[in-house]
């Protein structure tokens, strides 16, 4: 499934879909970073582990996205692969990417995920996670 994003006023909305809740969160993260660069050009040669605790799945989406955005900013990186596992209220993730370098085209910088249009739901057999991100 292809992650996607859509315009919403001055901000951009992202949608992630997957067969599991975690896959929809991973796809949402891909959508965020697809706004920033061409992901096919990003080498997933550096891995960073992340963890957080959140019982509410909608707030977990915003927390997840804001963590990966913060890690990108902290380390001067762009990420292209995401893996997330949920154990009750505890979330464990791996994000893979590389430092920004010449040859990576910079798109729009995403500053953070918001609660605007926040939705995490299962539609038949597919999970869909969406929110608006600040750019």
Protein backbone atom coordinates (compact mmCIF):
# COMPACT_ATOMS: atom_id res chain seq x y z
CA UNK A 1 0.00 0.00 0.00
CA UNK A 2 1.29 3.40 -0.89
CA UNK A 3 1.31 6.03 1.82
CA UNK A 4 -0.11 9.33 0.74
CA UNK A 5 -0.47 12.91 1.75
CA UNK A 6 -2.97 15.63 0.96
CA UNK A 7 -3.16 19.40 1.25
CA UNK A 8 -5.14 20.91 4.11
CA UNK A 9 -5.11 24.71 4.21
CA UNK A 10 -1.49 25.79 4.84
CA UNK A 11 -0.59 22.39 6.25
CA UNK A 12 -0.32 18.91 4.79
CA UNK A 13 -2.31 15.88 5.84
CA UNK A 14 -0.81 12.42 5.76
CA UNK A 15 -2.46 9.01 5.54
CA UNK A 16 -0.89 5.66 6.31
CA UNK A 17 -2.61 2.37 5.56
CA UNK A 18 -1.68 -1.16 6.50
CA UNK A 19 -2.93 -4.60 7.36
CA UNK A 20 -2.08 -3.95 11.02
CA UNK A 21 -2.23 -0.88 13.22
CA UNK A 22 1.57 -0.80 13.36
CA UNK A 23 1.88 -1.01 9.57
CA UNK A 24 -0.45 1.97 9.20
CA UNK A 25 1.79 3.96 11.58
CA UNK A 26 4.87 2.90 9.59
CA UNK A 27 3.16 4.00 6.36
CA UNK A 28 2.21 7.33 7.96
CA UNK A 29 5.88 7.91 8.81
CA UNK A 30 6.82 7.09 5.21
CA UNK A 31 4.26 9.66 4.03
CA UNK A 32 5.82 12.29 6.31
CA UNK A 33 9.31 11.71 4.95
CA UNK A 34 8.05 11.47 1.34
CA UNK A 35 7.10 15.14 1.74
CA UNK A 36 10.72 15.92 2.65
CA UNK A 37 12.61 14.00 -0.06
CA UNK A 38 12.53 11.24 -2.67
CA UNK A 39 12.67 8.19 -0.41
CA UNK A 40 14.02 5.92 -3.15
CA UNK A 41 17.30 7.86 -2.90
CA UNK A 42 17.65 7.43 0.88
CA UNK A 43 20.04 4.70 2.01
CA UNK A 44 18.80 2.94 5.17
CA UNK A 45 22.31 2.48 6.55
CA UNK A 46 21.84 3.92 10.06
CA UNK A 47 19.33 2.54 12.55
CA UNK A 48 17.90 4.34 15.57
CA UNK A 49 15.74 2.65 18.21
CA UNK A 50 12.81 4.52 19.73
CA UNK A 51 10.36 3.72 22.52
CA UNK A 52 7.34 5.39 24.00
CA UNK A 53 4.31 4.61 26.09
CA UNK A 54 0.78 5.59 25.05
CA UNK A 55 -2.53 3.82 25.61
CA UNK A 56 -4.61 5.94 23.21
CA UNK A 57 -3.92 4.81 19.63
CA UNK A 58 -4.68 8.21 18.11
CA UNK A 59 -2.29 9.98 20.47
CA UNK A 60 0.21 7.17 19.82
CA UNK A 61 0.21 8.09 16.12
CA UNK A 62 1.05 11.72 16.87
CA UNK A 63 3.67 10.67 19.43
CA UNK A 64 5.29 8.24 16.97
CA UNK A 65 5.44 10.78 14.16
CA UNK A 66 6.78 13.53 16.42
CA UNK A 67 9.48 11.20 17.75
CA UNK A 68 10.72 10.25 14.27
CA UNK A 69 10.61 13.90 13.15
CA UNK A 70 12.55 14.93 16.27
CA UNK A 71 15.15 12.19 15.69
CA UNK A 72 15.60 13.36 12.11
CA UNK A 73 16.22 16.90 13.30
CA UNK A 74 18.44 15.83 16.21
CA UNK A 75 20.75 13.72 14.04
CA UNK A 76 20.47 15.69 10.76
CA UNK A 77 18.97 12.64 9.09
CA UNK A 78 16.23 11.58 6.76
CA UNK A 79 14.51 8.23 7.27
CA UNK A 80 13.08 5.86 4.70
CA UNK A 81 12.25 2.66 6.59
CA UNK A 82 10.23 2.21 9.73
CA UNK A 83 9.39 -0.73 11.95
CA UNK A 84 7.04 -0.46 14.91
CA UNK A 85 5.83 -3.05 17.41
CA UNK A 86 3.16 -2.57 20.08
CA UNK A 87 3.18 -4.41 23.38
CA UNK A 88 0.03 -3.21 25.17
CA UNK A 89 0.71 0.49 25.88
CA UNK A 90 4.44 0.21 25.12
CA UNK A 91 5.65 0.91 21.58
CA UNK A 92 9.09 -0.11 20.26
CA UNK A 93 10.35 1.16 16.94
CA UNK A 94 13.32 1.11 14.60
CA UNK A 95 13.88 3.88 12.11
CA UNK A 96 16.44 3.62 9.32
CA UNK A 97 17.94 6.26 7.12
CA UNK A 98 21.01 8.37 6.53
CA UNK A 99 22.42 11.84 7.13
CA UNK A 100 21.32 14.53 4.70
CA UNK A 101 23.85 14.65 1.87
CA UNK A 102 24.40 16.17 -1.53
CA UNK A 103 22.24 14.31 -3.99
CA UNK A 104 19.20 14.11 -1.70
CA UNK A 105 16.66 16.59 -2.96
CA UNK A 106 15.09 18.55 -0.12
CA UNK A 107 11.35 18.96 -0.26
CA UNK A 108 9.16 20.60 2.35
CA UNK A 109 10.36 20.44 5.96
CA UNK A 110 7.82 18.84 8.28
CA UNK A 111 7.95 20.42 11.75
CA UNK A 112 5.56 18.12 13.58
CA UNK A 113 2.37 16.10 13.65
CA UNK A 114 -0.79 17.69 15.04
CA UNK A 115 -4.14 16.63 16.44
CA UNK A 116 -5.90 18.23 13.44
CA UNK A 117 -7.98 15.68 11.50
CA UNK A 118 -6.46 12.96 13.72
CA UNK A 119 -7.99 9.56 13.04
CA UNK A 120 -6.89 5.97 13.53
CA UNK A 121 -9.45 3.38 12.54
CA UNK A 122 -9.92 0.00 11.00
CA UNK A 123 -11.89 -0.03 7.75
CA UNK A 124 -12.81 -3.63 7.04
CA UNK A 125 -9.42 -5.39 6.95
CA UNK A 126 -7.26 -2.27 6.56
CA UNK A 127 -6.04 0.12 9.25
CA UNK A 128 -5.93 3.81 8.32
CA UNK A 129 -4.00 6.42 10.30
CA UNK A 130 -4.17 10.10 9.41
CA UNK A 131 -3.41 13.55 10.71
CA UNK A 132 -2.22 16.97 9.57
CA UNK A 133 1.46 17.86 9.88
CA UNK A 134 2.88 21.35 10.30
CA UNK A 135 5.24 22.43 7.54
